[in-house]
Amino acid sequence: MPGLLDEHFPVHGSWQGPGYGKTAMGLLLYVLSEGKHDLYGIESWACERVEVLKWLLDCPDFKPKHLSDDRLGILLERFTTRAMKVFN
């Protein structure tokens, strides 16, 4: 799924770190493990699970800041654009 999302939603040139697909998977892992969907707690959650997230996301360069509330907000905004309607 991350590859499919990255294919249909290319990141902006200034975006660094994992693409939208792996970022979305990080968000999904948080929602499934914590049963919450608030964005402000994800980065601190990721700080406690860096090595596991590197492995699960297949992203050796993963850093908790890659799941900051700002980045996740950009991700969700991108997914709610017309492009998401085309993707569906």
C-alpha atoms as a PDB file:
ATOM      1  CA  MET A   1       0.000   0.000   0.000  1.00  0.00           C
ATOM      2  CA  PRO A   2       2.771   2.548   0.719  1.00  0.00           C
ATOM      3  CA  GLY A   3       4.123   2.136  -2.809  1.00  0.00           C
ATOM      4  CA  LEU A   4       0.690   2.635  -4.326  1.00  0.00           C
ATOM      5  CA  LEU A   5       0.119   5.801  -2.315  1.00  0.00           C
ATOM      6  CA  ASP A   6       3.551   7.125  -3.270  1.00  0.00           C
ATOM      7  CA  GLU A   7       2.835   6.394  -6.924  1.00  0.00           C
ATOM      8  CA  HIS A   8      -0.431   8.344  -6.926  1.00  0.00           C
ATOM      9  CA  PHE A   9       0.624  11.073  -4.470  1.00  0.00           C
ATOM     10  CA  PRO A  10       4.180  12.201  -5.211  1.00  0.00           C
ATOM     11  CA  VAL A  11       5.707  14.321  -2.476  1.00  0.00           C
ATOM     12  CA  HIS A  12       6.606  17.979  -2.848  1.00  0.00           C
ATOM     13  CA  GLY A  13      10.259  18.775  -3.495  1.00  0.00           C
ATOM     14  CA  SER A  14      10.847  20.084   0.026  1.00  0.00           C
ATOM     15  CA  TRP A  15       9.401  16.964   1.716  1.00  0.00           C
ATOM     16  CA  GLN A  16      12.192  14.963   3.357  1.00  0.00           C
ATOM     17  CA  GLY A  17      12.085  11.483   4.820  1.00  0.00           C
ATOM     18  CA  PRO A  18       9.563   8.758   4.041  1.00  0.00           C
ATOM     19  CA  GLY A  19       6.976   9.488   1.360  1.00  0.00           C
ATOM     20  CA  TYR A  20       3.258   9.785   1.920  1.00  0.00           C
ATOM     21  CA  GLY A  21       2.793   6.014   1.807  1.00  0.00           C
ATOM     22  CA  LYS A  22       5.100   5.150   4.692  1.00  0.00           C
ATOM     23  CA  THR A  23       3.971   8.222   6.606  1.00  0.00           C
ATOM     24  CA  ALA A  24       0.367   7.051   6.243  1.00  0.00           C
ATOM     25  CA  MET A  25       1.403   3.601   7.465  1.00  0.00           C
ATOM     26  CA  GLY A  26       3.007   5.189  10.527  1.00  0.00           C
ATOM     27  CA  LEU A  27      -0.244   7.022  11.240  1.00  0.00           C
ATOM     28  CA  LEU A  28      -2.218   3.811  10.778  1.00  0.00           C
ATOM     29  CA  LEU A  29       0.109   1.936  13.153  1.00  0.00           C
ATOM     30  CA  TYR A  30      -0.502   4.621  15.771  1.00  0.00           C
ATOM     31  CA  VAL A  31      -4.279   4.502  15.343  1.00  0.00           C
ATOM     32  CA  LEU A  32      -4.342   0.707  15.560  1.00  0.00           C
ATOM     33  CA  SER A  33      -1.991   0.438  18.537  1.00  0.00           C
ATOM     34  CA  GLU A  34      -3.375   3.321  20.597  1.00  0.00           C
ATOM     35  CA  GLY A  35      -7.010   3.418  19.493  1.00  0.00           C
ATOM     36  CA  LYS A  36      -6.754   7.191  19.018  1.00  0.00           C
ATOM     37  CA  HIS A  37      -6.650   9.385  15.964  1.00  0.00           C
ATOM     38  CA  ASP A  38      -5.370  12.678  17.373  1.00  0.00           C
ATOM     39  CA  LEU A  39      -2.276  13.971  15.587  1.00  0.00           C
ATOM     40  CA  TYR A  40      -0.492  15.752  18.422  1.00  0.00           C
ATOM     41  CA  GLY A  41       0.620  12.627  20.298  1.00  0.00           C
ATOM     42  CA  ILE A  42       2.079  10.629  17.457  1.00  0.00           C
ATOM     43  CA  GLU A  43       5.593  12.066  17.419  1.00  0.00           C
ATOM     44  CA  SER A  44       6.133  11.321  21.125  1.00  0.00           C
ATOM     45  CA  TRP A  45       4.628   7.844  20.586  1.00  0.00           C
ATOM     46  CA  ALA A  46       7.119   7.325  17.743  1.00  0.00           C
ATOM     47  CA  CYS A  47      10.027   8.403  20.006  1.00  0.00           C
ATOM     48  CA  GLU A  48       9.370   5.350  22.156  1.00  0.00           C
ATOM     49  CA  ARG A  49       9.250   2.998  19.155  1.00  0.00           C
ATOM     50  CA  VAL A  50      11.896   4.235  16.729  1.00  0.00           C
ATOM     51  CA  GLU A  51      13.597   0.892  16.067  1.00  0.00           C
ATOM     52  CA  VAL A  52      10.309  -0.976  15.658  1.00  0.00           C
ATOM     53  CA  LEU A  53       8.993   1.681  13.281  1.00  0.00           C
ATOM     54  CA  LYS A  54      12.210   1.569  11.242  1.00  0.00           C
ATOM     55  CA  TRP A  55      11.658  -2.144  10.790  1.00  0.00           C
ATOM     56  CA  LEU A  56       7.880  -2.091  10.226  1.00  0.00           C
ATOM     57  CA  LEU A  57       8.050   0.792   7.765  1.00  0.00           C
ATOM     58  CA  ASP A  58      11.168  -0.631   6.086  1.00  0.00           C
ATOM     59  CA  CYS A  59      12.752   2.788   6.540  1.00  0.00           C
ATOM     60  CA  PRO A  60      16.208   2.682   8.183  1.00  0.00           C
ATOM     61  CA  ASP A  61      16.409   6.486   8.219  1.00  0.00           C
ATOM     62  CA  PHE A  62      13.082   6.928  10.045  1.00  0.00           C
ATOM     63  CA  LYS A  63      12.992   9.626  12.734  1.00  0.00           C
ATOM     64  CA  PRO A  64      10.062  10.503  15.034  1.00  0.00           C
ATOM     65  CA  LYS A  65       9.861  13.942  13.400  1.00  0.00           C
ATOM     66  CA  HIS A  66       8.654  12.139  10.278  1.00  0.00           C
ATOM     67  CA  LEU A  67       5.377  11.635  12.164  1.00  0.00           C
ATOM     68  CA  SER A  68       5.043  15.185  13.497  1.00  0.00           C
ATOM     69  CA  ASP A  69       1.570  16.701  13.637  1.00  0.00           C
ATOM     70  CA  ASP A  70       2.603  19.231  10.957  1.00  0.00           C
ATOM     71  CA  ARG A  71       3.654  16.509   8.522  1.00  0.00           C
ATOM     72  CA  LEU A  72       0.580  14.430   9.236  1.00  0.00           C
ATOM     73  CA  GLY A  73      -1.596  17.487   8.673  1.00  0.00           C
ATOM     74  CA  ILE A  74       0.026  17.983   5.265  1.00  0.00           C
ATOM     75  CA  LEU A  75      -0.510  14.310   4.504  1.00  0.00           C
ATOM     76  CA  LEU A  76      -4.194  14.390   5.410  1.00  0.00           C
ATOM     77  CA  GLU A  77      -4.725  17.639   3.527  1.00  0.00           C
ATOM     78  CA  ARG A  78      -3.126  16.083   0.449  1.00  0.00           C
ATOM     79  CA  PHE A  79      -5.339  13.006   0.716  1.00  0.00           C
ATOM     80  CA  THR A  80      -8.519  15.076   0.928  1.00  0.00           C
ATOM     81  CA  THR A  81      -7.872  16.951  -2.313  1.00  0.00           C
ATOM     82  CA  ARG A  82      -9.394  16.096  -5.650  1.00  0.00           C
ATOM     83  CA  ALA A  83      -6.463  13.729  -6.227  1.00  0.00           C
ATOM     84  CA  MET A  84      -7.895  11.372  -3.602  1.00  0.00           C
ATOM     85  CA  LYS A  85     -11.211  11.275  -5.438  1.00  0.00           C
ATOM     86  CA  VAL A  86      -9.355  10.228  -8.594  1.00  0.00           C
ATOM     87  CA  PHE A  87      -7.386   7.642  -6.616  1.00  0.00           C
ATOM     88  CA  ASN A  88     -10.592   6.018  -5.344  1.00  0.00           C
END
